[in-house]
Amino acid sequence: MREVPASIRSNNFSDEQYETVVLYVPTGSLEKYKADYIWKNFINIIEFDATNIDDIVEGELNGYENIYYDLNGRIVENPTHGIYIVNGKKVFVE
């Protein structure tokens, strides 16, 4: 998810899309999108936490280490290839 609005051509969206589509932007970037030449045209711009992970506290899991979370904050018991959160950091599993 981009915290800085992407540069796009103005003819990418219709008036109906500006009025009906909800544009979700990363927490902390709402004002940047509302000030952008194109993105400001969306009527419904909502900030949200793209990772869905709240307050990681070291040691909260009573000694368990290397627990893998997907990017939605859910525990993954058998991670395959992809991006995960482990010990508060993003890691790539090949």
Protein backbone atom coordinates (compact mmCIF):
# COMPACT_ATOMS: atom_id res chain seq x y z
CA MET A 1 0.00 0.00 0.00
CA ARG A 2 1.39 3.36 -0.98
CA GLU A 3 1.76 6.10 1.63
CA VAL A 4 2.55 8.56 -1.16
CA PRO A 5 -0.15 8.83 -3.83
CA ALA A 6 0.81 7.28 -7.16
CA SER A 7 1.06 9.60 -10.16
CA ILE A 8 -1.65 8.70 -12.64
CA ARG A 9 -3.45 10.30 -15.55
CA SER A 10 -6.68 12.09 -14.73
CA ASN A 11 -8.77 10.12 -17.23
CA ASN A 12 -8.41 6.82 -15.35
CA PHE A 13 -11.63 7.23 -13.32
CA SER A 14 -15.18 8.19 -14.18
CA ASP A 15 -17.30 10.63 -12.22
CA GLU A 16 -19.36 7.66 -11.02
CA GLN A 17 -16.24 5.96 -9.66
CA TYR A 18 -15.19 9.12 -7.81
CA GLU A 19 -18.61 9.18 -6.17
CA THR A 20 -19.13 5.48 -5.38
CA VAL A 21 -15.73 3.82 -4.90
CA VAL A 22 -14.17 3.77 -1.43
CA LEU A 23 -10.45 4.58 -1.61
CA TYR A 24 -8.57 2.91 1.26
CA VAL A 25 -5.23 4.53 2.09
CA PRO A 26 -2.57 3.70 4.71
CA THR A 27 -2.96 5.20 8.17
CA GLY A 28 -1.19 8.55 8.29
CA SER A 29 -1.49 9.32 4.58
CA LEU A 30 -5.05 10.67 4.36
CA GLU A 31 -4.03 14.32 4.00
CA LYS A 32 -1.58 13.48 1.18
CA TYR A 33 -4.35 11.77 -0.78
CA LYS A 34 -6.85 14.57 -0.07
CA ALA A 35 -4.32 17.11 -1.39
CA ASP A 36 -3.34 15.17 -4.53
CA TYR A 37 -4.61 16.45 -7.89
CA ILE A 38 -6.34 13.18 -8.85
CA TRP A 39 -6.95 11.23 -5.64
CA LYS A 40 -8.68 14.15 -3.92
CA ASN A 41 -11.63 13.66 -6.30
CA PHE A 42 -12.74 10.52 -4.46
CA ILE A 43 -15.64 11.32 -2.14
CA ASN A 44 -14.93 8.39 0.21
CA ILE A 45 -11.29 8.17 1.34
CA ILE A 46 -10.71 6.03 4.42
CA GLU A 47 -7.50 5.39 6.33
CA PHE A 48 -6.78 1.88 7.58
CA ASP A 49 -3.92 -0.18 8.98
CA ALA A 50 -2.81 -2.25 6.01
CA THR A 51 -1.03 -4.84 8.13
CA ASN A 52 -3.83 -5.30 10.65
CA ILE A 53 -1.15 -5.91 13.30
CA ASP A 54 -1.58 -4.03 16.56
CA ASP A 55 1.00 -3.39 19.27
CA ILE A 56 3.67 -6.06 19.01
CA VAL A 57 5.11 -6.46 22.49
CA GLU A 58 8.35 -8.38 22.93
CA GLY A 59 7.94 -11.40 25.17
CA GLU A 60 4.16 -11.29 25.10
CA LEU A 61 4.01 -14.91 23.87
CA ASN A 62 5.81 -16.28 26.95
CA GLY A 63 9.05 -17.30 25.29
CA TYR A 64 7.73 -18.45 21.92
CA GLU A 65 9.97 -17.21 19.13
CA ASN A 66 9.73 -17.15 15.36
CA ILE A 67 5.97 -17.24 15.13
CA TYR A 68 4.99 -16.41 11.56
CA TYR A 69 2.12 -14.00 10.84
CA ASP A 70 0.66 -13.25 7.43
CA LEU A 71 0.30 -9.63 6.36
CA ASN A 72 -3.23 -9.60 7.81
CA GLY A 73 -1.91 -10.41 11.29
CA ARG A 74 -3.01 -14.07 11.38
CA ILE A 75 -0.71 -16.79 12.71
CA VAL A 76 0.63 -19.11 9.99
CA GLU A 77 1.53 -22.56 11.26
CA ASN A 78 3.24 -23.89 8.10
CA PRO A 79 4.56 -20.93 6.10
CA THR A 80 5.26 -21.52 2.42
CA HIS A 81 6.92 -19.02 0.10
CA GLY A 82 5.86 -15.41 0.59
CA ILE A 83 6.18 -12.44 2.93
CA TYR A 84 5.51 -12.85 6.65
CA ILE A 85 5.99 -10.96 9.91
CA VAL A 86 8.39 -12.74 12.30
CA ASN A 87 9.49 -11.18 15.58
CA GLY A 88 8.10 -7.82 14.42
CA LYS A 89 10.01 -7.79 11.11
CA LYS A 90 9.00 -8.59 7.54
CA VAL A 91 10.73 -11.69 6.19
CA PHE A 92 10.57 -13.42 2.81
CA VAL A 93 10.33 -17.21 2.76
CA GLU A 94 11.49 -18.80 -0.52
